[in-house]
Protein backbone atom coordinates (compact mmCIF):
# COMPACT_ATOMS: atom_id res chain seq x y z
CA UNK A 1 -70.99 56.91 19.60
CA UNK A 2 -71.57 54.97 16.67
CA UNK A 3 -69.42 51.44 15.97
CA UNK A 4 -66.58 53.00 13.94
CA UNK A 5 -67.51 52.21 9.69
CA UNK A 6 -65.23 51.00 6.83
CA UNK A 7 -64.96 54.48 6.17
CA UNK A 8 -64.31 56.33 8.95
CA UNK A 9 -60.53 53.82 9.32
CA UNK A 10 -59.48 54.17 5.57
CA UNK A 11 -58.59 58.02 5.79
CA UNK A 12 -56.61 57.08 9.10
CA UNK A 13 -54.94 54.40 7.58
CA UNK A 14 -54.45 56.62 4.53
CA UNK A 15 -52.97 59.52 7.02
CA UNK A 16 -50.41 56.65 9.24
CA UNK A 17 -49.25 55.27 5.20
CA UNK A 18 -48.19 58.98 4.77
CA UNK A 19 -46.68 59.80 8.05
CA UNK A 20 -44.36 56.35 8.01
CA UNK A 21 -43.87 57.35 3.99
CA UNK A 22 -42.79 60.57 5.17
CA UNK A 23 -40.49 59.53 8.28
CA UNK A 24 -38.47 56.79 5.96
CA UNK A 25 -38.53 59.20 3.16
CA UNK A 26 -36.72 61.53 6.01
CA UNK A 27 -34.66 59.12 6.95
CA UNK A 28 -32.68 58.31 3.82
CA UNK A 29 -32.39 62.29 3.63
CA UNK A 30 -30.41 62.61 7.30
CA UNK A 31 -28.44 59.48 6.72
CA UNK A 32 -27.39 60.66 4.06
CA UNK A 33 -26.63 64.01 4.93
CA UNK A 34 -25.96 63.65 8.41
CA UNK A 35 -24.27 60.41 9.18
CA UNK A 36 -25.92 57.87 11.99
CA UNK A 37 -24.68 60.00 14.93
CA UNK A 38 -26.40 63.39 13.51
CA UNK A 39 -29.45 61.04 12.35
CA UNK A 40 -31.40 60.44 15.47
CA UNK A 41 -34.96 60.21 15.60
CA UNK A 42 -36.24 63.80 16.61
CA UNK A 43 -33.92 65.35 13.83
CA UNK A 44 -35.53 62.89 11.47
CA UNK A 45 -39.44 62.76 12.71
CA UNK A 46 -38.55 67.05 12.76
CA UNK A 47 -37.46 66.79 9.34
CA UNK A 48 -40.74 64.47 8.37
CA UNK A 49 -42.99 67.17 9.54
CA UNK A 50 -44.71 65.16 12.90
CA UNK A 51 -43.87 64.75 16.73
CA UNK A 52 -41.13 62.32 18.08
CA UNK A 53 -44.41 60.30 19.65
CA UNK A 54 -45.91 59.97 16.28
CA UNK A 55 -42.11 57.86 15.07
CA UNK A 56 -42.27 56.14 17.69
CA UNK A 57 -45.47 55.47 16.98
CA UNK A 58 -45.01 53.79 13.86
CA UNK A 59 -41.07 52.68 14.41
CA UNK A 60 -40.00 51.50 18.68
CA UNK A 61 -36.67 52.29 18.22
CA UNK A 62 -34.32 54.03 16.34
CA UNK A 63 -32.54 50.70 14.95
CA UNK A 64 -36.28 49.65 13.60
CA UNK A 65 -36.48 53.49 12.17
CA UNK A 66 -33.09 52.73 10.09
CA UNK A 67 -33.39 49.66 9.65
CA UNK A 68 -36.94 50.21 7.61
CA UNK A 69 -35.88 52.76 5.99
CA UNK A 70 -32.51 50.89 3.72
CA UNK A 71 -34.74 48.01 3.65
CA UNK A 72 -37.22 51.48 1.66
CA UNK A 73 -33.85 52.10 -0.31
CA UNK A 74 -33.51 48.79 -1.39
CA UNK A 75 -36.96 48.30 -2.71
CA UNK A 76 -36.72 51.93 -4.63
CA UNK A 77 -33.03 50.81 -5.51
CA UNK A 78 -34.87 47.84 -7.41
CA UNK A 79 -37.59 50.12 -8.43
CA UNK A 80 -34.71 52.65 -10.01
CA UNK A 81 -33.23 49.75 -11.68
CA UNK A 82 -36.62 47.78 -13.65
CA UNK A 83 -37.93 52.09 -14.73
CA UNK A 84 -35.04 52.18 -16.55
CA UNK A 85 -35.73 48.78 -19.27
CA UNK A 86 -39.28 47.60 -18.42
CA UNK A 87 -39.34 46.36 -21.72
CA UNK A 88 -36.43 44.17 -21.12
CA UNK A 89 -37.49 43.27 -17.68
CA UNK A 90 -40.42 42.26 -19.60
CA UNK A 91 -39.11 39.46 -21.92
CA UNK A 92 -36.74 38.24 -19.07
CA UNK A 93 -38.06 35.20 -20.11
CA UNK A 94 -37.14 35.30 -23.10
CA UNK A 95 -33.41 34.21 -23.69
CA UNK A 96 -33.63 35.29 -27.73
CA UNK A 97 -33.96 39.26 -27.04
CA UNK A 98 -34.18 40.03 -23.36
CA UNK A 99 -31.59 42.31 -22.51
CA UNK A 100 -31.57 45.83 -22.78
CA UNK A 101 -28.11 47.85 -24.40
CA UNK A 102 -25.85 46.28 -22.02
CA UNK A 103 -23.79 49.06 -21.22
CA UNK A 104 -26.96 51.33 -20.39
CA UNK A 105 -27.51 48.56 -17.73
CA UNK A 106 -24.10 48.94 -16.50
CA UNK A 107 -24.16 52.75 -16.35
CA UNK A 108 -27.41 52.66 -14.62
CA UNK A 109 -26.02 49.52 -12.28
CA UNK A 110 -23.16 52.30 -11.67
CA UNK A 111 -25.90 55.45 -10.74
CA UNK A 112 -27.27 53.06 -8.50
CA UNK A 113 -24.54 53.00 -6.34
CA UNK A 114 -23.64 56.78 -7.01
CA UNK A 115 -26.98 58.22 -5.66
CA UNK A 116 -27.96 58.93 -2.15
CA UNK A 117 -29.58 56.23 -1.82
CA UNK A 118 -26.40 54.42 -1.75
CA UNK A 119 -25.06 56.53 0.28
CA UNK A 120 -27.69 56.67 2.74
CA UNK A 121 -27.00 52.81 2.94
CA UNK A 122 -23.55 52.54 3.01
CA UNK A 123 -23.91 55.40 6.43
CA UNK A 124 -26.26 52.34 8.45
CA UNK A 125 -23.29 49.34 6.90
CA UNK A 126 -20.88 51.75 9.12
CA UNK A 127 -23.19 52.00 11.88
CA UNK A 128 -24.10 48.09 11.86
CA UNK A 129 -20.47 47.07 12.13
CA UNK A 130 -20.26 49.12 15.12
CA UNK A 131 -23.67 48.27 16.93
CA UNK A 132 -24.88 44.68 18.18
CA UNK A 133 -28.21 45.01 17.99
CA UNK A 134 -28.03 47.09 14.62
CA UNK A 135 -25.55 44.68 13.15
CA UNK A 136 -27.46 41.74 12.23
CA UNK A 137 -30.72 42.52 11.05
CA UNK A 138 -28.53 44.83 8.31
CA UNK A 139 -26.31 42.19 7.64
CA UNK A 140 -29.12 39.56 6.44
CA UNK A 141 -31.27 42.69 4.71
CA UNK A 142 -27.82 43.69 2.75
CA UNK A 143 -27.46 39.93 1.70
CA UNK A 144 -31.09 39.89 0.36
CA UNK A 145 -30.74 43.25 -1.18
CA UNK A 146 -27.94 41.91 -2.88
CA UNK A 147 -29.21 38.58 -4.65
CA UNK A 148 -32.26 40.83 -5.60
CA UNK A 149 -29.79 43.30 -7.39
CA UNK A 150 -27.31 40.07 -8.65
CA UNK A 151 -30.90 38.29 -10.39
CA UNK A 152 -32.88 41.44 -11.77
CA UNK A 153 -29.14 42.38 -13.44
CA UNK A 154 -28.88 39.01 -14.89
CA UNK A 155 -32.75 39.68 -16.28
CA UNK A 156 -31.14 42.82 -17.51
CA UNK A 157 -28.28 41.65 -19.59
CA UNK A 158 -29.94 38.35 -20.69
CA UNK A 159 -27.36 36.75 -18.59
CA UNK A 160 -27.05 32.99 -19.29
CA UNK A 161 -25.53 31.48 -15.62
CA UNK A 162 -25.39 28.00 -16.78
CA UNK A 163 -22.56 29.37 -18.69
CA UNK A 164 -19.16 28.42 -16.93
CA UNK A 165 -17.99 32.45 -15.78
CA UNK A 166 -20.78 33.96 -16.24
CA UNK A 167 -22.04 35.05 -12.68
CA UNK A 168 -18.51 36.16 -12.01
CA UNK A 169 -18.65 38.29 -14.44
CA UNK A 170 -21.82 39.85 -13.40
CA UNK A 171 -21.04 39.63 -9.63
CA UNK A 172 -17.38 41.14 -10.76
CA UNK A 173 -19.80 44.32 -12.70
CA UNK A 174 -21.60 44.75 -9.39
CA UNK A 175 -18.92 45.55 -7.24
CA UNK A 176 -17.04 47.35 -9.93
CA UNK A 177 -19.95 49.22 -9.49
CA UNK A 178 -19.67 49.49 -5.50
CA UNK A 179 -16.54 50.33 -5.93
CA UNK A 180 -17.67 53.56 -7.90
CA UNK A 181 -19.67 54.01 -5.48
CA UNK A 182 -17.30 54.42 -2.70
CA UNK A 183 -14.76 56.60 -4.86
CA UNK A 184 -17.80 59.04 -5.48
CA UNK A 185 -18.33 59.69 -1.73
CA UNK A 186 -15.20 61.87 -1.74
CA UNK A 187 -14.97 63.35 -5.43
CA UNK A 188 -17.16 63.70 -8.08
CA UNK A 189 -15.28 61.67 -9.95
CA UNK A 190 -18.04 61.65 -13.34
CA UNK A 191 -15.50 62.28 -16.26
CA UNK A 192 -12.92 58.60 -15.32
CA UNK A 193 -16.42 56.47 -14.47
CA UNK A 194 -17.47 57.59 -18.52
CA UNK A 195 -14.95 55.58 -19.36
CA UNK A 196 -14.80 52.97 -16.73
CA UNK A 197 -18.26 52.25 -17.83
CA UNK A 198 -18.04 51.95 -21.33
CA UNK A 199 -15.36 49.76 -21.43
CA UNK A 200 -17.21 47.35 -18.83
CA UNK A 201 -20.12 47.96 -21.47
CA UNK A 202 -17.63 46.09 -24.38
CA UNK A 203 -15.98 43.77 -21.58
CA UNK A 204 -19.88 42.11 -20.20
CA UNK A 205 -20.97 42.33 -23.84
CA UNK A 206 -17.75 40.01 -25.12
CA UNK A 207 -18.09 37.78 -21.71
CA UNK A 208 -21.88 37.48 -22.21
CA UNK A 209 -22.44 36.67 -25.90
């Protein structure tokens, strides 16, 4: 048999990446729809259209799979937020004109916390609170996600955190968005949420100047 060439390896690597991506997307969907208890490796593998063995080739344990899924969720949340306001992100270093429309930014942040990505992450948080192996890994990941989300929000809002109270204003906005996301789990609160977003847009604009 001849030696394996780079040309031979490339399609195999592409298939491997595609399989991993399908598994992560399936894990997120299962968490959002079934919660932790109903989201076994077998269920995720079936939804992804791969064998359990193939799933375990990429992720040795259930905890490893779902921790990777939450990291994937976090990356998607960050990409989604940046994608809504690319011009503002590109000018983030320009204090004179970095901010996108602040009410629109508030609305985008709230949307991130009321969508399926947040719902999937929430199910993992609940599981992590009772799983000794999962808890520390998810806590560490969420701390990093929180810092990244805060940084993106500061950039998009054009906020100067050297000013007293500005950092707390941004953090309060993120806490509010998370709270609306939790409320949305039980009922569609769209009408009230629009009024809250409009009011927070005004408050943030006043606070940031």
